[in-house]
Amino acid sequence: MSYAACAILIAFFYCIMTFMLLNKHVLHRPKDLKSFAVQDQVIHNWVLFLFICACILILSFSFRVILYNFYDVTKSQSSLLLGSSILWLVLFIKILMTPKILYGYDILINTIDAIAIPSLAMESIWSYSETQAITNEKDQRLSPKITPFLREHFHRIEEATIFNKFLRNGDASIDDLAQVIKIPSSHILYLFKYHSNESFVDFKKIIRIYDALSLIKSGYLNLQTFESLAVEVGFTSYTSFFLSFRQITGHSPQDYVSSRAR
């Protein structure tokens, strides 16, 4: 009986500690970047679903332990085991049919690595409809000049920032980008104001962190440090790199590299 009581206590302790970790790192994860809001919600729902299933299984286990050790109950054993087995079967089938939960916060890598021209690499960032009402008179005059060429403009921005590594320049500004892609800076400002789910500042962070992830995958850190990686992709300090990396991937750079090594 003492073993049974210990098993139940350990099971409930596990539930409580798991909830505390999930509540801190997943259920209340900062959602600063709009482009990741959909995936964050999916992961939030999945984690909650899995946690509830785990709690049900633990309660079922505790109930069986109580019946078997404190009461003379044996007839219900098969039905209880059958119930747990069915729950596990449903859970595993659901995971196999929808495996996104297994990939964590790597939407950035999956999105850009799956590029197939002429599709956009950062489709979730761009919007073909206005993200807010255009009330500024100057912007209203710009709208008919820009709207017919939205996809072309998106492609030009992505080509310069993702493929040509324009943002490795730590001082890169909208004016600099305008010179590179041959689009007026006022048009780029308009795009990020009305047709982007991210500000230009957050867009730069996303692209630079993807650049860092690509370098990590290619073995950059075998000979270099995290500090040099931060400078290489365009961050002016390691602190800003660290905070952006954690915000976008959900992990610190060190934890991310460690998880890849396992």
C-alpha atoms as a PDB file:
ATOM      1  CA  MET A   1       0.000   0.000   0.000  1.00  0.00           C
ATOM      2  CA  SER A   2       2.860   2.393   0.776  1.00  0.00           C
ATOM      3  CA  TYR A   3       4.197   1.870  -2.756  1.00  0.00           C
ATOM      4  CA  ALA A   4       0.766   2.590  -4.175  1.00  0.00           C
ATOM      5  CA  ALA A   5       0.457   5.814  -2.174  1.00  0.00           C
ATOM      6  CA  CYS A   6       3.930   6.932  -3.315  1.00  0.00           C
ATOM      7  CA  ALA A   7       3.053   6.205  -6.939  1.00  0.00           C
ATOM      8  CA  ILE A   8      -0.094   8.318  -6.697  1.00  0.00           C
ATOM      9  CA  LEU A   9       1.768  11.201  -5.034  1.00  0.00           C
ATOM     10  CA  ILE A  10       4.502  11.106  -7.678  1.00  0.00           C
ATOM     11  CA  ALA A  11       1.895  11.089 -10.449  1.00  0.00           C
ATOM     12  CA  PHE A  12       0.107  14.138  -9.053  1.00  0.00           C
ATOM     13  CA  PHE A  13       3.426  15.909  -8.403  1.00  0.00           C
ATOM     14  CA  TYR A  14       4.331  15.281 -12.051  1.00  0.00           C
ATOM     15  CA  CYS A  15       1.023  16.819 -13.166  1.00  0.00           C
ATOM     16  CA  ILE A  16       1.540  19.927 -11.058  1.00  0.00           C
ATOM     17  CA  MET A  17       5.158  20.466 -12.151  1.00  0.00           C
ATOM     18  CA  THR A  18       4.258  19.866 -15.804  1.00  0.00           C
ATOM     19  CA  PHE A  19       1.460  22.418 -15.608  1.00  0.00           C
ATOM     20  CA  MET A  20       3.799  24.992 -14.049  1.00  0.00           C
ATOM     21  CA  LEU A  21       6.345  24.522 -16.855  1.00  0.00           C
ATOM     22  CA  LEU A  22       3.715  24.645 -19.597  1.00  0.00           C
ATOM     23  CA  ASN A  23       2.058  27.671 -18.041  1.00  0.00           C
ATOM     24  CA  LYS A  24       5.370  29.538 -18.010  1.00  0.00           C
ATOM     25  CA  HIS A  25       6.888  28.522 -21.350  1.00  0.00           C
ATOM     26  CA  VAL A  26       3.957  27.638 -23.631  1.00  0.00           C
ATOM     27  CA  LEU A  27       0.510  28.678 -22.438  1.00  0.00           C
ATOM     28  CA  HIS A  28       1.652  32.240 -21.712  1.00  0.00           C
ATOM     29  CA  ARG A  29       4.439  32.504 -24.286  1.00  0.00           C
ATOM     30  CA  PRO A  30       4.823  36.104 -25.548  1.00  0.00           C
ATOM     31  CA  LYS A  31       3.045  36.666 -28.865  1.00  0.00           C
ATOM     32  CA  ASP A  32       4.804  39.799 -30.065  1.00  0.00           C
ATOM     33  CA  LEU A  33       5.061  38.764 -33.716  1.00  0.00           C
ATOM     34  CA  LYS A  34       1.751  38.548 -35.558  1.00  0.00           C
ATOM     35  CA  SER A  35       3.120  36.162 -38.192  1.00  0.00           C
ATOM     36  CA  PHE A  36       3.519  33.455 -35.573  1.00  0.00           C
ATOM     37  CA  ALA A  37       0.148  33.984 -33.882  1.00  0.00           C
ATOM     38  CA  VAL A  38      -1.595  31.184 -35.797  1.00  0.00           C
ATOM     39  CA  GLN A  39       1.084  28.617 -35.027  1.00  0.00           C
ATOM     40  CA  ASP A  40       1.273  29.759 -31.403  1.00  0.00           C
ATOM     41  CA  GLN A  41      -2.471  29.175 -31.059  1.00  0.00           C
ATOM     42  CA  VAL A  42      -2.202  25.712 -32.657  1.00  0.00           C
ATOM     43  CA  ILE A  43       0.638  24.751 -30.322  1.00  0.00           C
ATOM     44  CA  HIS A  44      -1.255  26.203 -27.345  1.00  0.00           C
ATOM     45  CA  ASN A  45      -4.324  24.079 -28.170  1.00  0.00           C
ATOM     46  CA  TRP A  46      -2.268  20.956 -28.834  1.00  0.00           C
ATOM     47  CA  VAL A  47      -0.281  21.223 -25.616  1.00  0.00           C
ATOM     48  CA  LEU A  48      -3.466  21.787 -23.629  1.00  0.00           C
ATOM     49  CA  PHE A  49      -5.064  18.753 -25.305  1.00  0.00           C
ATOM     50  CA  LEU A  50      -2.053  16.523 -24.586  1.00  0.00           C
ATOM     51  CA  PHE A  51      -1.816  17.731 -20.997  1.00  0.00           C
ATOM     52  CA  ILE A  52      -5.506  17.011 -20.365  1.00  0.00           C
ATOM     53  CA  CYS A  53      -5.082  13.529 -21.867  1.00  0.00           C
ATOM     54  CA  ALA A  54      -2.068  12.911 -19.638  1.00  0.00           C
ATOM     55  CA  CYS A  55      -4.034  14.041 -16.575  1.00  0.00           C
ATOM     56  CA  ILE A  56      -6.920  11.724 -17.486  1.00  0.00           C
ATOM     57  CA  LEU A  57      -4.521   8.802 -17.821  1.00  0.00           C
ATOM     58  CA  ILE A  58      -2.866   9.618 -14.509  1.00  0.00           C
ATOM     59  CA  LEU A  59      -6.264   9.863 -12.802  1.00  0.00           C
ATOM     60  CA  SER A  60      -7.222   6.529 -14.354  1.00  0.00           C
ATOM     61  CA  PHE A  61      -3.980   5.005 -13.102  1.00  0.00           C
ATOM     62  CA  SER A  62      -4.546   6.404  -9.603  1.00  0.00           C
ATOM     63  CA  PHE A  63      -8.110   5.108  -9.582  1.00  0.00           C
ATOM     64  CA  ARG A  64      -6.905   1.609 -10.539  1.00  0.00           C
ATOM     65  CA  VAL A  65      -4.217   1.675  -7.866  1.00  0.00           C
ATOM     66  CA  ILE A  66      -6.783   2.641  -5.233  1.00  0.00           C
ATOM     67  CA  LEU A  67      -9.197  -0.085  -6.337  1.00  0.00           C
ATOM     68  CA  TYR A  68      -6.567  -2.814  -6.510  1.00  0.00           C
ATOM     69  CA  ASN A  69      -4.774  -1.972  -3.270  1.00  0.00           C
ATOM     70  CA  PHE A  70      -7.445  -0.632  -0.964  1.00  0.00           C
ATOM     71  CA  TYR A  71     -10.479  -2.562  -2.175  1.00  0.00           C
ATOM     72  CA  ASP A  72     -10.957  -6.113  -3.319  1.00  0.00           C
ATOM     73  CA  VAL A  73     -11.792  -5.186  -6.901  1.00  0.00           C
ATOM     74  CA  THR A  74     -10.607  -7.363  -9.782  1.00  0.00           C
ATOM     75  CA  LYS A  75     -13.545  -7.619 -12.184  1.00  0.00           C
ATOM     76  CA  SER A  76     -13.197  -4.048 -13.393  1.00  0.00           C
ATOM     77  CA  GLN A  77      -9.519  -4.452 -14.243  1.00  0.00           C
ATOM     78  CA  SER A  78     -10.037  -5.370 -17.882  1.00  0.00           C
ATOM     79  CA  SER A  79     -12.535  -2.562 -18.516  1.00  0.00           C
ATOM     80  CA  LEU A  80     -10.224   0.042 -16.944  1.00  0.00           C
ATOM     81  CA  LEU A  81      -7.279  -1.172 -18.993  1.00  0.00           C
ATOM     82  CA  LEU A  82      -9.442  -1.109 -22.102  1.00  0.00           C
ATOM     83  CA  GLY A  83     -10.448   2.498 -21.407  1.00  0.00           C
ATOM     84  CA  SER A  84      -6.826   3.605 -21.026  1.00  0.00           C
ATOM     85  CA  SER A  85      -5.795   1.705 -24.143  1.00  0.00           C
ATOM     86  CA  ILE A  86      -8.512   3.348 -26.223  1.00  0.00           C
ATOM     87  CA  LEU A  87      -7.490   6.808 -24.969  1.00  0.00           C
ATOM     88  CA  TRP A  88      -3.829   6.164 -25.843  1.00  0.00           C
ATOM     89  CA  LEU A  89      -4.831   4.817 -29.258  1.00  0.00           C
ATOM     90  CA  VAL A  90      -6.892   7.927 -30.052  1.00  0.00           C
ATOM     91  CA  LEU A  91      -4.047  10.151 -28.863  1.00  0.00           C
ATOM     92  CA  PHE A  92      -1.385   8.429 -30.979  1.00  0.00           C
ATOM     93  CA  ILE A  93      -3.579   8.350 -34.088  1.00  0.00           C
ATOM     94  CA  LYS A  94      -4.265  12.076 -33.706  1.00  0.00           C
ATOM     95  CA  ILE A  95      -0.531  12.837 -33.375  1.00  0.00           C
ATOM     96  CA  LEU A  96       0.304  10.745 -36.435  1.00  0.00           C
ATOM     97  CA  MET A  97      -2.411  12.437 -38.485  1.00  0.00           C
ATOM     98  CA  THR A  98      -1.410  15.941 -37.337  1.00  0.00           C
ATOM     99  CA  PRO A  99       2.307  15.859 -36.492  1.00  0.00           C
ATOM    100  CA  LYS A 100       2.848  19.644 -36.374  1.00  0.00           C
ATOM    101  CA  ILE A 101       3.075  19.583 -32.583  1.00  0.00           C
ATOM    102  CA  LEU A 102       6.267  17.510 -32.898  1.00  0.00           C
ATOM    103  CA  TYR A 103       8.070  20.353 -34.694  1.00  0.00           C
ATOM    104  CA  GLY A 104       7.892  22.991 -31.967  1.00  0.00           C
ATOM    105  CA  TYR A 105       8.487  26.610 -32.968  1.00  0.00           C
ATOM    106  CA  ASP A 106      10.436  25.896 -36.179  1.00  0.00           C
ATOM    107  CA  ILE A 107       7.824  27.444 -38.458  1.00  0.00           C
ATOM    108  CA  LEU A 108      10.413  29.931 -39.660  1.00  0.00           C
ATOM    109  CA  ILE A 109      12.735  27.250 -41.024  1.00  0.00           C
ATOM    110  CA  ASN A 110       9.924  25.211 -42.540  1.00  0.00           C
ATOM    111  CA  THR A 111       8.381  28.269 -44.199  1.00  0.00           C
ATOM    112  CA  ILE A 112      11.509  29.495 -45.939  1.00  0.00           C
ATOM    113  CA  ASP A 113      13.083  26.100 -46.707  1.00  0.00           C
ATOM    114  CA  ALA A 114       9.899  25.140 -48.572  1.00  0.00           C
ATOM    115  CA  ILE A 115      10.317  27.948 -51.106  1.00  0.00           C
ATOM    116  CA  ALA A 116       9.138  27.220 -54.617  1.00  0.00           C
ATOM    117  CA  ILE A 117       9.334  30.193 -56.922  1.00  0.00           C
ATOM    118  CA  PRO A 118       7.147  32.031 -57.703  1.00  0.00           C
ATOM    119  CA  SER A 119       5.651  31.486 -54.249  1.00  0.00           C
ATOM    120  CA  LEU A 120       6.689  33.873 -51.499  1.00  0.00           C
ATOM    121  CA  ALA A 121       9.046  32.715 -48.781  1.00  0.00           C
ATOM    122  CA  MET A 122       7.345  34.745 -46.053  1.00  0.00           C
ATOM    123  CA  GLU A 123       3.734  34.403 -47.193  1.00  0.00           C
ATOM    124  CA  SER A 124       2.420  34.754 -43.638  1.00  0.00           C
ATOM    125  CA  ILE A 125       3.992  38.194 -43.287  1.00  0.00           C
ATOM    126  CA  TRP A 126       2.495  39.804 -46.378  1.00  0.00           C
ATOM    127  CA  SER A 127      -1.118  40.836 -46.857  1.00  0.00           C
ATOM    128  CA  TYR A 128      -2.796  41.566 -50.194  1.00  0.00           C
ATOM    129  CA  SER A 129      -5.520  43.531 -48.458  1.00  0.00           C
ATOM    130  CA  GLU A 130      -4.907  46.570 -46.272  1.00  0.00           C
ATOM    131  CA  THR A 131      -4.144  45.685 -42.658  1.00  0.00           C
ATOM    132  CA  GLN A 132      -5.664  49.005 -41.585  1.00  0.00           C
ATOM    133  CA  ALA A 133      -7.791  51.764 -43.068  1.00  0.00           C
ATOM    134  CA  ILE A 134      -5.913  54.248 -45.259  1.00  0.00           C
ATOM    135  CA  THR A 135      -6.791  57.671 -43.865  1.00  0.00           C
ATOM    136  CA  ASN A 136      -3.631  59.565 -44.783  1.00  0.00           C
ATOM    137  CA  GLU A 137      -4.122  61.612 -47.947  1.00  0.00           C
ATOM    138  CA  LYS A 138      -0.604  60.940 -49.219  1.00  0.00           C
ATOM    139  CA  ASP A 139      -1.042  57.194 -48.705  1.00  0.00           C
ATOM    140  CA  GLN A 140      -4.386  57.302 -50.504  1.00  0.00           C
ATOM    141  CA  ARG A 141      -2.634  58.764 -53.549  1.00  0.00           C
ATOM    142  CA  LEU A 142       0.049  56.065 -53.379  1.00  0.00           C
ATOM    143  CA  SER A 143      -2.411  53.173 -53.127  1.00  0.00           C
ATOM    144  CA  PRO A 144      -3.389  52.882 -56.834  1.00  0.00           C
ATOM    145  CA  LYS A 145       0.287  53.071 -57.819  1.00  0.00           C
ATOM    146  CA  ILE A 146       1.357  50.253 -55.489  1.00  0.00           C
ATOM    147  CA  THR A 147      -1.584  47.842 -55.189  1.00  0.00           C
ATOM    148  CA  PRO A 148      -1.322  46.327 -58.722  1.00  0.00           C
ATOM    149  CA  PHE A 149       2.325  45.435 -58.073  1.00  0.00           C
ATOM    150  CA  LEU A 150       2.142  44.065 -54.538  1.00  0.00           C
ATOM    151  CA  ARG A 151       3.449  40.576 -55.315  1.00  0.00           C
ATOM    152  CA  GLU A 152       6.312  41.941 -57.397  1.00  0.00           C
ATOM    153  CA  HIS A 153       7.305  44.289 -54.572  1.00  0.00           C
ATOM    154  CA  PHE A 154       7.138  41.459 -52.021  1.00  0.00           C
ATOM    155  CA  HIS A 155       9.397  39.348 -54.237  1.00  0.00           C
ATOM    156  CA  ARG A 156      11.935  42.135 -54.608  1.00  0.00           C
ATOM    157  CA  ILE A 157      12.087  42.703 -50.857  1.00  0.00           C
ATOM    158  CA  GLU A 158      12.500  38.975 -50.182  1.00  0.00           C
ATOM    159  CA  GLU A 159      15.154  38.560 -52.864  1.00  0.00           C
ATOM    160  CA  ALA A 160      17.245  41.358 -51.376  1.00  0.00           C
ATOM    161  CA  THR A 161      16.795  40.451 -47.723  1.00  0.00           C
ATOM    162  CA  ILE A 162      16.617  36.641 -47.748  1.00  0.00           C
ATOM    163  CA  PHE A 163      18.696  35.567 -50.731  1.00  0.00           C
ATOM    164  CA  ASN A 164      21.157  38.453 -51.167  1.00  0.00           C
ATOM    165  CA  LYS A 165      21.641  38.906 -47.397  1.00  0.00           C
ATOM    166  CA  PHE A 166      21.074  42.665 -47.535  1.00  0.00           C
ATOM    167  CA  LEU A 167      20.174  42.755 -43.844  1.00  0.00           C
ATOM    168  CA  ARG A 168      23.620  41.527 -42.778  1.00  0.00           C
ATOM    169  CA  ASN A 169      24.417  45.219 -42.853  1.00  0.00           C
ATOM    170  CA  GLY A 170      23.646  46.216 -39.283  1.00  0.00           C
ATOM    171  CA  ASP A 171      22.725  49.772 -40.300  1.00  0.00           C
ATOM    172  CA  ALA A 172      20.351  48.714 -43.086  1.00  0.00           C
ATOM    173  CA  SER A 173      17.428  51.105 -43.399  1.00  0.00           C
ATOM    174  CA  ILE A 174      14.388  51.439 -45.621  1.00  0.00           C
ATOM    175  CA  ASP A 175      16.216  54.070 -47.673  1.00  0.00           C
ATOM    176  CA  ASP A 176      19.095  51.638 -48.236  1.00  0.00           C
ATOM    177  CA  LEU A 177      16.670  48.888 -49.225  1.00  0.00           C
ATOM    178  CA  ALA A 178      14.941  51.263 -51.641  1.00  0.00           C
ATOM    179  CA  GLN A 179      18.232  51.895 -53.442  1.00  0.00           C
ATOM    180  CA  VAL A 180      18.950  48.164 -53.726  1.00  0.00           C
ATOM    181  CA  ILE A 181      15.571  47.041 -55.079  1.00  0.00           C
ATOM    182  CA  LYS A 182      14.890  50.218 -57.113  1.00  0.00           C
ATOM    183  CA  ILE A 183      11.608  51.027 -55.406  1.00  0.00           C
ATOM    184  CA  PRO A 184      10.919  54.437 -53.818  1.00  0.00           C
ATOM    185  CA  SER A 185      11.307  54.399 -50.044  1.00  0.00           C
ATOM    186  CA  SER A 186       7.805  55.874 -49.719  1.00  0.00           C
ATOM    187  CA  HIS A 187       6.455  52.756 -51.451  1.00  0.00           C
ATOM    188  CA  ILE A 188       8.329  50.445 -49.070  1.00  0.00           C
ATOM    189  CA  LEU A 189       7.052  52.416 -46.088  1.00  0.00           C
ATOM    190  CA  TYR A 190       3.547  52.035 -47.509  1.00  0.00           C
ATOM    191  CA  LEU A 191       3.997  48.264 -47.922  1.00  0.00           C
ATOM    192  CA  PHE A 192       5.090  47.728 -44.329  1.00  0.00           C
ATOM    193  CA  LYS A 193       2.374  50.046 -43.045  1.00  0.00           C
ATOM    194  CA  TYR A 194      -0.601  48.599 -44.937  1.00  0.00           C
ATOM    195  CA  HIS A 195       0.413  45.248 -46.440  1.00  0.00           C
ATOM    196  CA  SER A 196       2.616  43.619 -43.828  1.00  0.00           C
ATOM    197  CA  ASN A 197       1.730  41.908 -40.569  1.00  0.00           C
ATOM    198  CA  GLU A 198       5.099  42.996 -39.168  1.00  0.00           C
ATOM    199  CA  SER A 199       6.839  46.327 -38.860  1.00  0.00           C
ATOM    200  CA  PHE A 200      10.090  46.795 -40.763  1.00  0.00           C
ATOM    201  CA  VAL A 201      11.973  46.461 -37.460  1.00  0.00           C
ATOM    202  CA  ASP A 202      10.379  43.087 -36.680  1.00  0.00           C
ATOM    203  CA  PHE A 203      10.795  41.977 -40.293  1.00  0.00           C
ATOM    204  CA  LYS A 204      14.544  42.597 -40.005  1.00  0.00           C
ATOM    205  CA  LYS A 205      14.661  40.536 -36.811  1.00  0.00           C
ATOM    206  CA  ILE A 206      12.838  37.614 -38.423  1.00  0.00           C
ATOM    207  CA  ILE A 207      15.080  37.537 -41.505  1.00  0.00           C
ATOM    208  CA  ARG A 208      18.263  37.875 -39.461  1.00  0.00           C
ATOM    209  CA  ILE A 209      17.278  35.074 -37.109  1.00  0.00           C
ATOM    210  CA  TYR A 210      16.492  32.825 -40.077  1.00  0.00           C
ATOM    211  CA  ASP A 211      19.921  33.716 -41.474  1.00  0.00           C
ATOM    212  CA  ALA A 212      21.442  32.735 -38.116  1.00  0.00           C
ATOM    213  CA  LEU A 213      19.549  29.423 -38.098  1.00  0.00           C
ATOM    214  CA  SER A 214      20.824  28.658 -41.592  1.00  0.00           C
ATOM    215  CA  LEU A 215      24.409  29.375 -40.533  1.00  0.00           C
ATOM    216  CA  ILE A 216      24.009  27.181 -37.445  1.00  0.00           C
ATOM    217  CA  LYS A 217      22.736  24.331 -39.629  1.00  0.00           C
ATOM    218  CA  SER A 218      25.733  24.752 -41.951  1.00  0.00           C
ATOM    219  CA  GLY A 219      28.202  24.394 -39.040  1.00  0.00           C
ATOM    220  CA  TYR A 220      29.127  28.057 -38.543  1.00  0.00           C
ATOM    221  CA  LEU A 221      29.507  27.582 -34.784  1.00  0.00           C
ATOM    222  CA  ASN A 222      32.090  24.828 -35.238  1.00  0.00           C
ATOM    223  CA  LEU A 223      34.723  27.542 -35.626  1.00  0.00           C
ATOM    224  CA  GLN A 224      32.949  30.716 -34.501  1.00  0.00           C
ATOM    225  CA  THR A 225      31.171  32.039 -31.399  1.00  0.00           C
ATOM    226  CA  PHE A 226      27.600  33.155 -30.793  1.00  0.00           C
ATOM    227  CA  GLU A 227      28.850  36.744 -30.576  1.00  0.00           C
ATOM    228  CA  SER A 228      30.409  36.581 -34.037  1.00  0.00           C
ATOM    229  CA  LEU A 229      27.238  34.922 -35.354  1.00  0.00           C
ATOM    230  CA  ALA A 230      25.183  37.849 -34.044  1.00  0.00           C
ATOM    231  CA  VAL A 231      27.427  40.357 -35.826  1.00  0.00           C
ATOM    232  CA  GLU A 232      27.548  38.250 -39.000  1.00  0.00           C
ATOM    233  CA  VAL A 233      23.771  38.310 -39.504  1.00  0.00           C
ATOM    234  CA  GLY A 234      23.457  42.037 -38.793  1.00  0.00           C
ATOM    235  CA  PHE A 235      22.747  42.519 -35.088  1.00  0.00           C
ATOM    236  CA  THR A 236      24.585  45.368 -33.413  1.00  0.00           C
ATOM    237  CA  SER A 237      24.876  43.542 -30.083  1.00  0.00           C
ATOM    238  CA  TYR A 238      24.679  40.019 -28.716  1.00  0.00           C
ATOM    239  CA  THR A 239      21.914  41.081 -26.315  1.00  0.00           C
ATOM    240  CA  SER A 240      19.578  42.137 -29.140  1.00  0.00           C
ATOM    241  CA  PHE A 241      20.443  38.913 -31.001  1.00  0.00           C
ATOM    242  CA  PHE A 242      19.727  36.778 -27.914  1.00  0.00           C
ATOM    243  CA  LEU A 243      16.369  38.446 -27.220  1.00  0.00           C
ATOM    244  CA  SER A 244      15.268  38.237 -30.867  1.00  0.00           C
ATOM    245  CA  PHE A 245      16.364  34.598 -31.162  1.00  0.00           C
ATOM    246  CA  ARG A 246      14.391  33.646 -28.066  1.00  0.00           C
ATOM    247  CA  GLN A 247      11.352  35.652 -29.157  1.00  0.00           C
ATOM    248  CA  ILE A 248      11.180  33.986 -32.570  1.00  0.00           C
ATOM    249  CA  THR A 249      12.313  30.403 -31.896  1.00  0.00           C
ATOM    250  CA  GLY A 250      11.145  30.035 -28.293  1.00  0.00           C
ATOM    251  CA  HIS A 251      14.668  29.002 -27.222  1.00  0.00           C
ATOM    252  CA  SER A 252      17.926  30.686 -26.326  1.00  0.00           C
ATOM    253  CA  PRO A 253      20.692  30.209 -28.936  1.00  0.00           C
ATOM    254  CA  GLN A 254      22.551  27.834 -26.597  1.00  0.00           C
ATOM    255  CA  ASP A 255      19.450  25.721 -25.900  1.00  0.00           C
ATOM    256  CA  TYR A 256      18.629  25.559 -29.600  1.00  0.00           C
ATOM    257  CA  VAL A 257      22.118  24.313 -30.492  1.00  0.00           C
ATOM    258  CA  SER A 258      22.035  21.798 -27.626  1.00  0.00           C
ATOM    259  CA  SER A 259      18.677  20.429 -28.786  1.00  0.00           C
ATOM    260  CA  ARG A 260      20.081  19.935 -32.304  1.00  0.00           C
ATOM    261  CA  ALA A 261      23.072  18.052 -30.904  1.00  0.00           C
ATOM    262  CA  ARG A 262      20.892  15.544 -29.041  1.00  0.00           C
END
